[in-house]
C-alpha atoms as a PDB file:
ATOM      1  CA  MET A   1      25.907  32.215  22.027  1.00  0.00           C
ATOM      2  CA  ARG A   2      22.922  32.626  21.176  1.00  0.00           C
ATOM      3  CA  LEU A   3      24.784  32.855  17.080  1.00  0.00           C
ATOM      4  CA  SER A   4      25.744  29.513  17.885  1.00  0.00           C
ATOM      5  CA  LEU A   5      22.251  28.130  18.832  1.00  0.00           C
ATOM      6  CA  LEU A   6      20.460  30.200  15.815  1.00  0.00           C
ATOM      7  CA  VAL A   7      23.234  28.689  13.800  1.00  0.00           C
ATOM      8  CA  VAL A   8      22.771  24.790  15.088  1.00  0.00           C
ATOM      9  CA  ALA A   9      19.085  25.549  14.218  1.00  0.00           C
ATOM     10  CA  GLY A  10      19.222  26.474  11.125  1.00  0.00           C
ATOM     11  CA  ALA A  11      21.716  23.500  10.428  1.00  0.00           C
ATOM     12  CA  MET A  12      18.896  21.496  11.393  1.00  0.00           C
ATOM     13  CA  LEU A  13      16.768  22.718   9.881  1.00  0.00           C
ATOM     14  CA  ILE A  14      18.927  22.233   6.108  1.00  0.00           C
ATOM     15  CA  ALA A  15      19.454  18.935   7.077  1.00  0.00           C
ATOM     16  CA  VAL A  16      15.649  17.635   7.177  1.00  0.00           C
ATOM     17  CA  PRO A  17      14.569  16.917   3.575  1.00  0.00           C
ATOM     18  CA  ALA A  18      11.977  19.686   2.808  1.00  0.00           C
ATOM     19  CA  ASN A  19       9.171  17.106   1.302  1.00  0.00           C
ATOM     20  CA  ALA A  20       9.662  15.253   4.387  1.00  0.00           C
ATOM     21  CA  ALA A  21       5.929  13.847   5.074  1.00  0.00           C
ATOM     22  CA  ASP A  22       3.297  13.298   7.762  1.00  0.00           C
ATOM     23  CA  TRP A  23       3.043  10.275   7.742  1.00  0.00           C
ATOM     24  CA  LYS A  24      -0.407   9.189   9.086  1.00  0.00           C
ATOM     25  CA  LEU A  25      -2.290   5.712   9.670  1.00  0.00           C
ATOM     26  CA  MET A  26      -5.993   6.062   7.773  1.00  0.00           C
ATOM     27  CA  PRO A  27      -8.712   3.988   8.791  1.00  0.00           C
ATOM     28  CA  PHE A  28     -11.502   2.954   6.117  1.00  0.00           C
ATOM     29  CA  PRO A  29     -13.746   0.647   8.264  1.00  0.00           C
ATOM     30  CA  ASP A  30     -16.631   1.566   4.970  1.00  0.00           C
ATOM     31  CA  GLN A  31     -14.158  -1.262   3.050  1.00  0.00           C
ATOM     32  CA  GLY A  32     -12.297  -3.444   6.109  1.00  0.00           C
ATOM     33  CA  PHE A  33      -8.979  -1.556   5.846  1.00  0.00           C
ATOM     34  CA  GLY A  34      -6.386   1.093   6.782  1.00  0.00           C
ATOM     35  CA  ILE A  35      -3.180   2.239   5.581  1.00  0.00           C
ATOM     36  CA  GLU A  36      -0.467   4.456   6.035  1.00  0.00           C
ATOM     37  CA  SER A  37      -0.031   7.490   4.135  1.00  0.00           C
ATOM     38  CA  PRO A  38       1.439  11.047   3.396  1.00  0.00           C
ATOM     39  CA  VAL A  39      -1.305  12.615   2.556  1.00  0.00           C
ATOM     40  CA  PRO A  40      -5.172  12.580   2.797  1.00  0.00           C
ATOM     41  CA  LEU A  41      -6.822   9.255   0.888  1.00  0.00           C
ATOM     42  CA  VAL A  42      -9.702  11.061  -1.511  1.00  0.00           C
ATOM     43  CA  LYS A  43     -12.365   8.439  -1.949  1.00  0.00           C
ATOM     44  CA  GLY A  44     -13.413   7.614  -5.684  1.00  0.00           C
ATOM     45  CA  THR A  45     -15.191   4.818  -7.598  1.00  0.00           C
ATOM     46  CA  GLY A  46     -13.712   3.363 -10.801  1.00  0.00           C
ATOM     47  CA  MET A  47     -13.552  -0.406 -13.000  1.00  0.00           C
ATOM     48  CA  TYR A  48     -12.046  -3.027 -12.296  1.00  0.00           C
ATOM     49  CA  GLN A  49     -12.242  -5.466 -16.137  1.00  0.00           C
ATOM     50  CA  GLY A  50     -10.823  -8.282 -16.734  1.00  0.00           C
ATOM     51  CA  ALA A  51     -11.048 -11.824 -18.952  1.00  0.00           C
ATOM     52  CA  VAL A  52     -12.326 -13.564 -16.098  1.00  0.00           C
ATOM     53  CA  ALA A  53     -14.025 -10.966 -13.407  1.00  0.00           C
ATOM     54  CA  GLY A  54     -14.930  -9.009 -16.348  1.00  0.00           C
ATOM     55  CA  ARG A  55     -16.211  -5.239 -15.218  1.00  0.00           C
ATOM     56  CA  VAL A  56     -16.629  -4.647 -11.532  1.00  0.00           C
ATOM     57  CA  PRO A  57     -16.957  -1.889  -9.830  1.00  0.00           C
ATOM     58  CA  THR A  58     -14.262  -0.895  -7.513  1.00  0.00           C
ATOM     59  CA  VAL A  59     -13.803   2.119  -4.529  1.00  0.00           C
ATOM     60  CA  THR A  60     -11.071   3.804  -4.716  1.00  0.00           C
ATOM     61  CA  TYR A  61      -8.834   6.228  -2.364  1.00  0.00           C
ATOM     62  CA  SER A  62      -6.065   8.765  -3.999  1.00  0.00           C
ATOM     63  CA  GLY A  63      -3.600  11.575  -3.223  1.00  0.00           C
ATOM     64  CA  GLU A  64      -0.625  12.821  -4.765  1.00  0.00           C
ATOM     65  CA  LEU A  65       2.808  13.910  -2.997  1.00  0.00           C
ATOM     66  CA  ASN A  66       6.053  15.193  -4.556  1.00  0.00           C
ATOM     67  CA  LYS A  67       5.759  13.528  -7.940  1.00  0.00           C
ATOM     68  CA  ILE A  68       4.425   9.596  -6.379  1.00  0.00           C
ATOM     69  CA  THR A  69       0.345   9.147  -6.477  1.00  0.00           C
ATOM     70  CA  TYR A  70      -1.086   7.196  -3.566  1.00  0.00           C
ATOM     71  CA  LYS A  71      -3.861   4.470  -4.440  1.00  0.00           C
ATOM     72  CA  VAL A  72      -5.972   1.918  -2.830  1.00  0.00           C
ATOM     73  CA  THR A  73      -8.156  -0.198  -4.956  1.00  0.00           C
ATOM     74  CA  VAL A  74     -11.028  -1.992  -3.039  1.00  0.00           C
ATOM     75  CA  ILE A  75     -12.572  -5.045  -5.727  1.00  0.00           C
ATOM     76  CA  ASP A  76     -15.788  -6.500  -4.208  1.00  0.00           C
ATOM     77  CA  VAL A  77     -15.577 -10.411  -4.837  1.00  0.00           C
ATOM     78  CA  SER A  78     -17.540 -11.731  -2.474  1.00  0.00           C
ATOM     79  CA  LYS A  79     -20.407 -12.718  -3.953  1.00  0.00           C
ATOM     80  CA  ARG A  80     -18.119 -14.995  -6.256  1.00  0.00           C
ATOM     81  CA  PRO A  81     -16.275 -16.988  -3.044  1.00  0.00           C
ATOM     82  CA  ALA A  82     -15.643 -19.444  -6.019  1.00  0.00           C
ATOM     83  CA  GLU A  83     -13.775 -17.506  -8.226  1.00  0.00           C
ATOM     84  CA  ALA A  84     -11.626 -15.323  -5.871  1.00  0.00           C
ATOM     85  CA  VAL A  85      -8.295 -17.122  -6.087  1.00  0.00           C
ATOM     86  CA  ASN A  86      -8.596 -17.186  -9.950  1.00  0.00           C
ATOM     87  CA  LEU A  87      -9.777 -13.408  -9.715  1.00  0.00           C
ATOM     88  CA  TYR A  88      -6.961 -12.634  -7.436  1.00  0.00           C
ATOM     89  CA  GLU A  89      -4.538 -14.350  -9.710  1.00  0.00           C
ATOM     90  CA  GLU A  90      -6.273 -12.566 -12.733  1.00  0.00           C
ATOM     91  CA  MET A  91      -5.368  -8.884 -11.698  1.00  0.00           C
ATOM     92  CA  GLU A  92      -1.815 -10.066 -10.795  1.00  0.00           C
ATOM     93  CA  ALA A  93      -0.917 -11.683 -14.382  1.00  0.00           C
ATOM     94  CA  LEU A  94      -3.415  -8.292 -15.947  1.00  0.00           C
ATOM     95  CA  LEU A  95      -0.718  -5.406 -13.489  1.00  0.00           C
ATOM     96  CA  GLU A  96       2.548  -7.624 -15.135  1.00  0.00           C
ATOM     97  CA  LEU A  97       1.591  -6.655 -18.400  1.00  0.00           C
ATOM     98  CA  GLN A  98       1.677  -3.702 -18.010  1.00  0.00           C
ATOM     99  CA  GLY A  99       5.380  -3.224 -18.042  1.00  0.00           C
ATOM    100  CA  LYS A 100       8.647  -4.690 -17.025  1.00  0.00           C
ATOM    101  CA  VAL A 101       8.480  -6.286 -13.883  1.00  0.00           C
ATOM    102  CA  ILE A 102      11.487  -5.914 -11.553  1.00  0.00           C
ATOM    103  CA  GLY A 103      10.491  -7.877  -8.371  1.00  0.00           C
ATOM    104  CA  ASN A 104       7.486  -9.633  -7.523  1.00  0.00           C
ATOM    105  CA  ASP A 105       8.033 -11.301  -4.071  1.00  0.00           C
ATOM    106  CA  SER A 106       5.425 -12.957  -1.528  1.00  0.00           C
ATOM    107  CA  MET A 107       4.030  -9.956   1.159  1.00  0.00           C
ATOM    108  CA  GLY A 108       3.000 -10.287   4.917  1.00  0.00           C
ATOM    109  CA  ILE A 109       0.928  -8.194   7.176  1.00  0.00           C
ATOM    110  CA  GLU A 110      -0.604  -8.744  10.711  1.00  0.00           C
ATOM    111  CA  PRO A 111       1.526 -11.353  13.224  1.00  0.00           C
ATOM    112  CA  GLY A 112       0.507 -14.659  14.201  1.00  0.00           C
ATOM    113  CA  LYS A 113      -2.007 -16.264  13.505  1.00  0.00           C
ATOM    114  CA  GLU A 114      -3.734 -13.917  11.757  1.00  0.00           C
ATOM    115  CA  ARG A 115      -0.977 -12.876   9.305  1.00  0.00           C
ATOM    116  CA  GLN A 116      -2.598 -12.192   5.920  1.00  0.00           C
ATOM    117  CA  TYR A 117      -0.450 -13.107   3.343  1.00  0.00           C
ATOM    118  CA  GLY A 118      -0.076 -11.313  -0.577  1.00  0.00           C
ATOM    119  CA  ARG A 119       2.122 -10.372  -3.371  1.00  0.00           C
ATOM    120  CA  GLU A 120       4.145  -7.424  -3.678  1.00  0.00           C
ATOM    121  CA  LEU A 121       5.437  -6.140  -7.337  1.00  0.00           C
ATOM    122  CA  VAL A 122       8.102  -3.947  -8.589  1.00  0.00           C
ATOM    123  CA  ILE A 123       7.062  -2.547 -12.055  1.00  0.00           C
ATOM    124  CA  GLN A 124       8.592  -0.491 -14.077  1.00  0.00           C
ATOM    125  CA  ALA A 125       5.685   0.967 -16.603  1.00  0.00           C
ATOM    126  CA  LYS A 126       5.639   1.534 -20.114  1.00  0.00           C
ATOM    127  CA  ASP A 127       4.922   5.202 -19.608  1.00  0.00           C
ATOM    128  CA  GLY A 128       8.526   5.371 -17.222  1.00  0.00           C
ATOM    129  CA  SER A 129       6.955   5.523 -13.845  1.00  0.00           C
ATOM    130  CA  LEU A 130       8.071   2.844 -11.253  1.00  0.00           C
ATOM    131  CA  ARG A 131       4.894   1.163  -9.306  1.00  0.00           C
ATOM    132  CA  ARG A 132       5.123  -0.486  -5.916  1.00  0.00           C
ATOM    133  CA  ILE A 133       1.642  -2.820  -6.189  1.00  0.00           C
ATOM    134  CA  GLY A 134       0.581  -4.993  -2.898  1.00  0.00           C
ATOM    135  CA  LEU A 135      -2.221  -6.878  -3.439  1.00  0.00           C
ATOM    136  CA  MET A 136      -4.235  -8.885  -0.454  1.00  0.00           C
ATOM    137  CA  TYR A 137      -7.471 -10.635  -0.564  1.00  0.00           C
ATOM    138  CA  GLN A 138      -9.248 -10.509   2.684  1.00  0.00           C
ATOM    139  CA  LYS A 139     -12.887 -11.112   3.358  1.00  0.00           C
ATOM    140  CA  GLY A 140     -14.033 -11.559  -0.387  1.00  0.00           C
ATOM    141  CA  LYS A 141     -12.287  -8.430  -1.781  1.00  0.00           C
ATOM    142  CA  ILE A 142      -9.151  -7.907  -3.152  1.00  0.00           C
ATOM    143  CA  TYR A 143      -7.177  -4.905  -1.979  1.00  0.00           C
ATOM    144  CA  GLN A 144      -4.650  -3.494  -4.292  1.00  0.00           C
ATOM    145  CA  ALA A 145      -2.342  -1.050  -2.488  1.00  0.00           C
ATOM    146  CA  GLU A 146      -0.481   1.038  -5.050  1.00  0.00           C
ATOM    147  CA  ALA A 147       2.741   4.054  -5.107  1.00  0.00           C
ATOM    148  CA  THR A 148       3.717   5.156  -8.194  1.00  0.00           C
ATOM    149  CA  ILE A 149       7.327   7.410  -8.898  1.00  0.00           C
ATOM    150  CA  MET A 150       5.969   9.355 -11.728  1.00  0.00           C
ATOM    151  CA  PRO A 151       8.420  10.563 -14.249  1.00  0.00           C
ATOM    152  CA  GLY A 152      10.740  12.795 -12.711  1.00  0.00           C
ATOM    153  CA  GLY A 153      10.254  11.985  -9.277  1.00  0.00           C
ATOM    154  CA  ASP A 154      12.826  10.236  -6.693  1.00  0.00           C
ATOM    155  CA  LYS A 155      13.258   6.803  -8.121  1.00  0.00           C
ATOM    156  CA  GLU A 156      15.244   5.888  -4.634  1.00  0.00           C
ATOM    157  CA  SER A 157      12.078   6.793  -2.547  1.00  0.00           C
ATOM    158  CA  PHE A 158      11.392   4.560   0.038  1.00  0.00           C
ATOM    159  CA  ASP A 159       7.914   5.908   0.545  1.00  0.00           C
ATOM    160  CA  PRO A 160       6.357   3.514  -2.208  1.00  0.00           C
ATOM    161  CA  GLU A 161       7.340   0.610  -0.549  1.00  0.00           C
ATOM    162  CA  ARG A 162       6.524   2.014   3.140  1.00  0.00           C
ATOM    163  CA  PHE A 163       2.730   2.654   1.336  1.00  0.00           C
ATOM    164  CA  ALA A 164       1.827  -0.553  -0.235  1.00  0.00           C
ATOM    165  CA  ASP A 165       3.324  -2.793   2.625  1.00  0.00           C
ATOM    166  CA  SER A 166       0.988  -0.407   5.275  1.00  0.00           C
ATOM    167  CA  ILE A 167      -2.043  -1.707   4.727  1.00  0.00           C
ATOM    168  CA  ILE A 168      -3.734  -3.630   7.323  1.00  0.00           C
ATOM    169  CA  PHE A 169      -6.928  -5.647   8.509  1.00  0.00           C
ATOM    170  CA  ASP A 170      -7.346  -4.835  11.833  1.00  0.00           C
ATOM    171  CA  LEU A 171      -8.334  -1.395  12.920  1.00  0.00           C
ATOM    172  CA  ASP A 172      -8.843  -2.306  16.578  1.00  0.00           C
ATOM    173  CA  PRO A 173      -5.443  -0.388  17.418  1.00  0.00           C
ATOM    174  CA  LYS A 174      -4.616  -1.817  21.133  1.00  0.00           C
ATOM    175  CA  ARG A 175      -5.430  -5.089  19.775  1.00  0.00           C
ATOM    176  CA  ARG A 176      -2.966  -4.614  16.949  1.00  0.00           C
ATOM    177  CA  GLU A 177      -0.016  -3.430  20.230  1.00  0.00           C
ATOM    178  CA  ASP A 178      -1.517  -6.106  22.116  1.00  0.00           C
ATOM    179  CA  ARG A 179      -0.142  -8.728  19.333  1.00  0.00           C
ATOM    180  CA  CYS A 180       2.562  -6.822  18.742  1.00  0.00           C
ATOM    181  CA  ALA A 181       3.916  -6.531  22.304  1.00  0.00           C
ATOM    182  CA  ASP A 182       3.566 -10.387  22.318  1.00  0.00           C
ATOM    183  CA  PRO A 183       7.246 -12.089  21.091  1.00  0.00           C
ATOM    184  CA  ASN A 184       4.446 -15.200  19.956  1.00  0.00           C
ATOM    185  CA  ASN A 185       3.518 -14.066  17.447  1.00  0.00           C
ATOM    186  CA  PHE A 186       7.115 -13.655  16.439  1.00  0.00           C
ATOM    187  CA  LYS A 187       6.998 -17.688  15.787  1.00  0.00           C
ATOM    188  CA  ALA A 188       7.295 -19.704  13.438  1.00  0.00           C
ATOM    189  CA  GLY A 189       4.339 -22.407  13.928  1.00  0.00           C
ATOM    190  CA  ASN A 190       2.631 -19.113  14.739  1.00  0.00           C
END
């Protein structure tokens, strides 16, 4: 009996992928968002450059696991409210120039009246990597949630989509749970 239990336990261990990651919601209240990630995201800085935007400092959060890089870039455009839509559109257009666009679709997060819409792009980059990018605008900031499968990585992985789609702006877990439990928040017109 013990031998058969060991065989079953061993088979179960083999069935679980060795690279299965433990995804966690990581809140970043200083930048007004949270995101699910399989790896800790390290805070950094960068610079966004565009013809309309000019040079704008960014805050970044990044990590890597199994030949997939995870990164959120936050661009504060709150001092340029009249240009926000144009800056957002410029960012999307510049991303599309970085390779072959495989997908460009709307994305939505948060249920009910607080639903936020943005764009999700899938780009086969010139270096052979596959990038999935979620772009959202919220309260004066443009958020770019990107997961990139590096050359030699698993191009069939669902992880980039999960990462890019998991960004949230309501960091109160009880409030999110209540909204998600309310069926009225999932009806048309809400």
